[in-house]
Amino acid sequence: MRVRVDQDLCISCGLCIDICDEVFFWNDDDIAEAIDEDIPEELHEDVQEAIDSCPTDAIEEI
């Protein structure tokens, strides 16, 4: 599983980071970003929760 955050849709609410800070982080523009690697299986449930919780649907699985 891999994900990305659409930088144009992200409103910097921080839910994804609160839910799974092992995958999501603030970039230099204070917009959420995701690690650029395969996500460990034990984090898939948290990542899916972050995807489902994003108010602008900015997170997508790639």
PDB file of N, CA and C in Angstrom:
ATOM      1  N   MET A   1       0.847  -1.181   0.000  1.00  0.00           N
ATOM      2  CA  MET A   1       0.000   0.000   0.000  1.00  0.00           C
ATOM      3  C   MET A   1       0.889   1.239   0.000  1.00  0.00           C
ATOM      4  N   ARG A   2       0.489   2.177  -0.868  1.00  0.00           N
ATOM      5  CA  ARG A   2       1.149   3.484  -0.920  1.00  0.00           C
ATOM      6  C   ARG A   2       0.054   4.533  -1.024  1.00  0.00           C
ATOM      7  N   VAL A   3       0.316   5.702  -0.479  1.00  0.00           N
ATOM      8  CA  VAL A   3      -0.654   6.788  -0.547  1.00  0.00           C
ATOM      9  C   VAL A   3       0.044   8.089  -0.890  1.00  0.00           C
ATOM     10  N   ARG A   4      -0.764   9.039  -1.337  1.00  0.00           N
ATOM     11  CA  ARG A   4      -0.246  10.380  -1.559  1.00  0.00           C
ATOM     12  C   ARG A   4      -1.312  11.374  -1.132  1.00  0.00           C
ATOM     13  N   VAL A   5      -0.862  12.575  -0.801  1.00  0.00           N
ATOM     14  CA  VAL A   5      -1.757  13.653  -0.412  1.00  0.00           C
ATOM     15  C   VAL A   5      -1.760  14.682  -1.540  1.00  0.00           C
ATOM     16  N   ASP A   6      -2.935  14.963  -2.062  1.00  0.00           N
ATOM     17  CA  ASP A   6      -3.071  15.978  -3.110  1.00  0.00           C
ATOM     18  C   ASP A   6      -2.837  17.344  -2.463  1.00  0.00           C
ATOM     19  N   GLN A   7      -1.753  17.979  -2.836  1.00  0.00           N
ATOM     20  CA  GLN A   7      -1.350  19.239  -2.229  1.00  0.00           C
ATOM     21  C   GLN A   7      -2.332  20.370  -2.507  1.00  0.00           C
ATOM     22  N   ASP A   8      -3.093  20.266  -3.577  1.00  0.00           N
ATOM     23  CA  ASP A   8      -4.078  21.294  -3.910  1.00  0.00           C
ATOM     24  C   ASP A   8      -5.368  21.141  -3.103  1.00  0.00           C
ATOM     25  N   LEU A   9      -5.655  19.932  -2.632  1.00  0.00           N
ATOM     26  CA  LEU A   9      -6.874  19.689  -1.868  1.00  0.00           C
ATOM     27  C   LEU A   9      -6.675  19.766  -0.363  1.00  0.00           C
ATOM     28  N   CYS A  10      -5.461  19.542   0.100  1.00  0.00           N
ATOM     29  CA  CYS A  10      -5.190  19.516   1.539  1.00  0.00           C
ATOM     30  C   CYS A  10      -5.427  20.902   2.152  1.00  0.00           C
ATOM     31  N   ILE A  11      -6.189  20.921   3.264  1.00  0.00           N
ATOM     32  CA  ILE A  11      -6.449  22.183   3.973  1.00  0.00           C
ATOM     33  C   ILE A  11      -5.679  22.253   5.292  1.00  0.00           C
ATOM     34  N   SER A  12      -4.742  21.342   5.482  1.00  0.00           N
ATOM     35  CA  SER A  12      -3.870  21.326   6.670  1.00  0.00           C
ATOM     36  C   SER A  12      -4.637  21.171   7.980  1.00  0.00           C
ATOM     37  N   CYS A  13      -5.683  20.344   7.962  1.00  0.00           N
ATOM     38  CA  CYS A  13      -6.444  20.137   9.198  1.00  0.00           C
ATOM     39  C   CYS A  13      -5.679  19.261  10.188  1.00  0.00           C
ATOM     40  N   GLY A  14      -4.815  18.386   9.689  1.00  0.00           N
ATOM     41  CA  GLY A  14      -3.968  17.577  10.557  1.00  0.00           C
ATOM     42  C   GLY A  14      -4.559  16.264  11.024  1.00  0.00           C
ATOM     43  N   LEU A  15      -5.759  15.914  10.591  1.00  0.00           N
ATOM     44  CA  LEU A  15      -6.354  14.650  11.022  1.00  0.00           C
ATOM     45  C   LEU A  15      -5.486  13.453  10.658  1.00  0.00           C
ATOM     46  N   CYS A  16      -4.968  13.437   9.448  1.00  0.00           N
ATOM     47  CA  CYS A  16      -4.159  12.289   9.014  1.00  0.00           C
ATOM     48  C   CYS A  16      -2.922  12.133   9.886  1.00  0.00           C
ATOM     49  N   ILE A  17      -2.318  13.234  10.243  1.00  0.00           N
ATOM     50  CA  ILE A  17      -1.120  13.194  11.084  1.00  0.00           C
ATOM     51  C   ILE A  17      -1.488  12.744  12.490  1.00  0.00           C
ATOM     52  N   ASP A  18      -2.615  13.218  13.006  1.00  0.00           N
ATOM     53  CA  ASP A  18      -3.076  12.777  14.320  1.00  0.00           C
ATOM     54  C   ASP A  18      -3.368  11.284  14.336  1.00  0.00           C
ATOM     55  N   ILE A  19      -3.905  10.770  13.244  1.00  0.00           N
ATOM     56  CA  ILE A  19      -4.283   9.358  13.169  1.00  0.00           C
ATOM     57  C   ILE A  19      -3.071   8.464  12.932  1.00  0.00           C
ATOM     58  N   CYS A  20      -2.143   8.891  12.085  1.00  0.00           N
ATOM     59  CA  CYS A  20      -1.027   8.011  11.704  1.00  0.00           C
ATOM     60  C   CYS A  20       0.225   8.829  11.386  1.00  0.00           C
ATOM     61  N   ASP A  21       0.891   9.290  12.432  1.00  0.00           N
ATOM     62  CA  ASP A  21       2.080  10.118  12.206  1.00  0.00           C
ATOM     63  C   ASP A  21       3.301   9.316  11.752  1.00  0.00           C
ATOM     64  N   GLU A  22       3.159   8.002  11.662  1.00  0.00           N
ATOM     65  CA  GLU A  22       4.233   7.192  11.095  1.00  0.00           C
ATOM     66  C   GLU A  22       4.266   7.308   9.577  1.00  0.00           C
ATOM     67  N   VAL A  23       3.149   7.739   8.996  1.00  0.00           N
ATOM     68  CA  VAL A  23       3.029   7.832   7.535  1.00  0.00           C
ATOM     69  C   VAL A  23       2.891   9.279   7.061  1.00  0.00           C
ATOM     70  N   PHE A  24       2.127  10.079   7.796  1.00  0.00           N
ATOM     71  CA  PHE A  24       1.841  11.448   7.383  1.00  0.00           C
ATOM     72  C   PHE A  24       2.646  12.446   8.203  1.00  0.00           C
ATOM     73  N   PHE A  25       3.042  13.533   7.564  1.00  0.00           N
ATOM     74  CA  PHE A  25       3.860  14.553   8.230  1.00  0.00           C
ATOM     75  C   PHE A  25       3.606  15.901   7.558  1.00  0.00           C
ATOM     76  N   TRP A  26       4.024  16.968   8.233  1.00  0.00           N
ATOM     77  CA  TRP A  26       3.921  18.314   7.655  1.00  0.00           C
ATOM     78  C   TRP A  26       5.119  18.568   6.759  1.00  0.00           C
ATOM     79  N   ASN A  27       4.880  19.086   5.557  1.00  0.00           N
ATOM     80  CA  ASN A  27       6.003  19.453   4.691  1.00  0.00           C
ATOM     81  C   ASN A  27       6.402  20.909   4.968  1.00  0.00           C
ATOM     82  N   ASP A  28       7.329  21.422   4.226  1.00  0.00           N
ATOM     83  CA  ASP A  28       7.832  22.779   4.445  1.00  0.00           C
ATOM     84  C   ASP A  28       6.776  23.861   4.216  1.00  0.00           C
ATOM     85  N   ASP A  29       5.715  23.519   3.492  1.00  0.00           N
ATOM     86  CA  ASP A  29       4.631  24.464   3.236  1.00  0.00           C
ATOM     87  C   ASP A  29       3.479  24.292   4.228  1.00  0.00           C
ATOM     88  N   ASP A  30       3.709  23.503   5.289  1.00  0.00           N
ATOM     89  CA  ASP A  30       2.682  23.208   6.298  1.00  0.00           C
ATOM     90  C   ASP A  30       1.446  22.540   5.700  1.00  0.00           C
ATOM     91  N   ILE A  31       1.692  21.679   4.737  1.00  0.00           N
ATOM     92  CA  ILE A  31       0.646  20.863   4.136  1.00  0.00           C
ATOM     93  C   ILE A  31       1.034  19.409   4.395  1.00  0.00           C
ATOM     94  N   ALA A  32       0.021  18.588   4.666  1.00  0.00           N
ATOM     95  CA  ALA A  32       0.297  17.174   4.944  1.00  0.00           C
ATOM     96  C   ALA A  32       0.893  16.493   3.725  1.00  0.00           C
ATOM     97  N   GLU A  33       1.777  15.562   4.009  1.00  0.00           N
ATOM     98  CA  GLU A  33       2.420  14.767   2.977  1.00  0.00           C
ATOM     99  C   GLU A  33       2.568  13.355   3.525  1.00  0.00           C
ATOM    100  N   ALA A  34       2.724  12.377   2.640  1.00  0.00           N
ATOM    101  CA  ALA A  34       2.884  10.986   3.059  1.00  0.00           C
ATOM    102  C   ALA A  34       4.280  10.504   2.707  1.00  0.00           C
ATOM    103  N   ILE A  35       4.763   9.529   3.480  1.00  0.00           N
ATOM    104  CA  ILE A  35       6.065   8.948   3.184  1.00  0.00           C
ATOM    105  C   ILE A  35       6.033   8.363   1.778  1.00  0.00           C
ATOM    106  N   ASP A  36       7.157   8.372   1.116  1.00  0.00           N
ATOM    107  CA  ASP A  36       7.246   7.914  -0.264  1.00  0.00           C
ATOM    108  C   ASP A  36       7.816   6.504  -0.314  1.00  0.00           C
ATOM    109  N   GLU A  37       7.115   5.588   0.321  1.00  0.00           N
ATOM    110  CA  GLU A  37       7.541   4.189   0.326  1.00  0.00           C
ATOM    111  C   GLU A  37       6.342   3.324   0.676  1.00  0.00           C
ATOM    112  N   ASP A  38       6.518   2.015   0.532  1.00  0.00           N
ATOM    113  CA  ASP A  38       5.444   1.104   0.892  1.00  0.00           C
ATOM    114  C   ASP A  38       5.172   1.194   2.385  1.00  0.00           C
ATOM    115  N   ILE A  39       3.901   1.227   2.729  1.00  0.00           N
ATOM    116  CA  ILE A  39       3.490   1.347   4.125  1.00  0.00           C
ATOM    117  C   ILE A  39       3.420  -0.041   4.737  1.00  0.00           C
ATOM    118  N   PRO A  40       4.034  -0.227   5.910  1.00  0.00           N
ATOM    119  CA  PRO A  40       3.989  -1.535   6.562  1.00  0.00           C
ATOM    120  C   PRO A  40       2.550  -1.982   6.811  1.00  0.00           C
ATOM    121  N   GLU A  41       2.314  -3.262   6.673  1.00  0.00           N
ATOM    122  CA  GLU A  41       0.973  -3.816   6.796  1.00  0.00           C
ATOM    123  C   GLU A  41       0.304  -3.479   8.123  1.00  0.00           C
ATOM    124  N   GLU A  42       1.067  -3.401   9.185  1.00  0.00           N
ATOM    125  CA  GLU A  42       0.479  -3.114  10.499  1.00  0.00           C
ATOM    126  C   GLU A  42      -0.090  -1.696  10.594  1.00  0.00           C
ATOM    127  N   LEU A  43       0.230  -0.834   9.630  1.00  0.00           N
ATOM    128  CA  LEU A  43      -0.294   0.535   9.623  1.00  0.00           C
ATOM    129  C   LEU A  43      -1.447   0.737   8.640  1.00  0.00           C
ATOM    130  N   HIS A  44      -1.788  -0.287   7.869  1.00  0.00           N
ATOM    131  CA  HIS A  44      -2.820  -0.156   6.836  1.00  0.00           C
ATOM    132  C   HIS A  44      -4.159   0.293   7.413  1.00  0.00           C
ATOM    133  N   GLU A  45      -4.555  -0.251   8.554  1.00  0.00           N
ATOM    134  CA  GLU A  45      -5.842   0.118   9.147  1.00  0.00           C
ATOM    135  C   GLU A  45      -5.852   1.605   9.528  1.00  0.00           C
ATOM    136  N   ASP A  46      -4.756   2.084  10.128  1.00  0.00           N
ATOM    137  CA  ASP A  46      -4.675   3.501  10.488  1.00  0.00           C
ATOM    138  C   ASP A  46      -4.669   4.395   9.253  1.00  0.00           C
ATOM    139  N   VAL A  47      -3.961   3.973   8.227  1.00  0.00           N
ATOM    140  CA  VAL A  47      -3.917   4.757   6.995  1.00  0.00           C
ATOM    141  C   VAL A  47      -5.302   4.816   6.355  1.00  0.00           C
ATOM    142  N   GLN A  48      -6.017   3.704   6.363  1.00  0.00           N
ATOM    143  CA  GLN A  48      -7.373   3.704   5.808  1.00  0.00           C
ATOM    144  C   GLN A  48      -8.273   4.632   6.609  1.00  0.00           C
ATOM    145  N   GLU A  49      -8.109   4.659   7.917  1.00  0.00           N
ATOM    146  CA  GLU A  49      -8.878   5.591   8.748  1.00  0.00           C
ATOM    147  C   GLU A  49      -8.558   7.040   8.375  1.00  0.00           C
ATOM    148  N   ALA A  50      -7.287   7.327   8.117  1.00  0.00           N
ATOM    149  CA  ALA A  50      -6.889   8.678   7.704  1.00  0.00           C
ATOM    150  C   ALA A  50      -7.519   9.032   6.361  1.00  0.00           C
ATOM    151  N   ILE A  51      -7.513   8.098   5.426  1.00  0.00           N
ATOM    152  CA  ILE A  51      -8.134   8.325   4.121  1.00  0.00           C
ATOM    153  C   ILE A  51      -9.617   8.631   4.295  1.00  0.00           C
ATOM    154  N   ASP A  52     -10.293   7.811   5.090  1.00  0.00           N
ATOM    155  CA  ASP A  52     -11.737   7.971   5.294  1.00  0.00           C
ATOM    156  C   ASP A  52     -12.076   9.237   6.071  1.00  0.00           C
ATOM    157  N   SER A  53     -11.159   9.718   6.895  1.00  0.00           N
ATOM    158  CA  SER A  53     -11.408  10.881   7.749  1.00  0.00           C
ATOM    159  C   SER A  53     -11.076  12.213   7.090  1.00  0.00           C
ATOM    160  N   CYS A  54     -10.344  12.188   6.009  1.00  0.00           N
ATOM    161  CA  CYS A  54      -9.919  13.447   5.372  1.00  0.00           C
ATOM    162  C   CYS A  54     -11.147  14.214   4.866  1.00  0.00           C
ATOM    163  N   PRO A  55     -11.339  15.441   5.361  1.00  0.00           N
ATOM    164  CA  PRO A  55     -12.545  16.190   4.985  1.00  0.00           C
ATOM    165  C   PRO A  55     -12.577  16.654   3.528  1.00  0.00           C
ATOM    166  N   THR A  56     -11.439  16.658   2.854  1.00  0.00           N
ATOM    167  CA  THR A  56     -11.407  17.102   1.459  1.00  0.00           C
ATOM    168  C   THR A  56     -11.064  15.968   0.498  1.00  0.00           C
ATOM    169  N   ASP A  57     -10.991  14.732   1.015  1.00  0.00           N
ATOM    170  CA  ASP A  57     -10.621  13.580   0.188  1.00  0.00           C
ATOM    171  C   ASP A  57      -9.298  13.784  -0.536  1.00  0.00           C
ATOM    172  N   ALA A  58      -8.349  14.409   0.171  1.00  0.00           N
ATOM    173  CA  ALA A  58      -7.045  14.721  -0.428  1.00  0.00           C
ATOM    174  C   ALA A  58      -6.098  13.525  -0.426  1.00  0.00           C
ATOM    175  N   ILE A  59      -6.410  12.484   0.318  1.00  0.00           N
ATOM    176  CA  ILE A  59      -5.511  11.332   0.408  1.00  0.00           C
ATOM    177  C   ILE A  59      -6.042  10.228  -0.495  1.00  0.00           C
ATOM    178  N   GLU A  60      -5.144   9.706  -1.326  1.00  0.00           N
ATOM    179  CA  GLU A  60      -5.541   8.614  -2.196  1.00  0.00           C
ATOM    180  C   GLU A  60      -4.501   7.504  -2.180  1.00  0.00           C
ATOM    181  N   GLU A  61      -4.992   6.295  -2.307  1.00  0.00           N
ATOM    182  CA  GLU A  61      -4.088   5.151  -2.416  1.00  0.00           C
ATOM    183  C   GLU A  61      -3.581   5.085  -3.844  1.00  0.00           C
ATOM    184  N   ILE A  62      -2.279   4.858  -3.983  1.00  0.00           N
ATOM    185  CA  ILE A  62      -1.698   4.771  -5.334  1.00  0.00           C
ATOM    186  C   ILE A  62      -1.072   3.413  -5.540  1.00  0.00           C
TER     187      ILE A  62
END
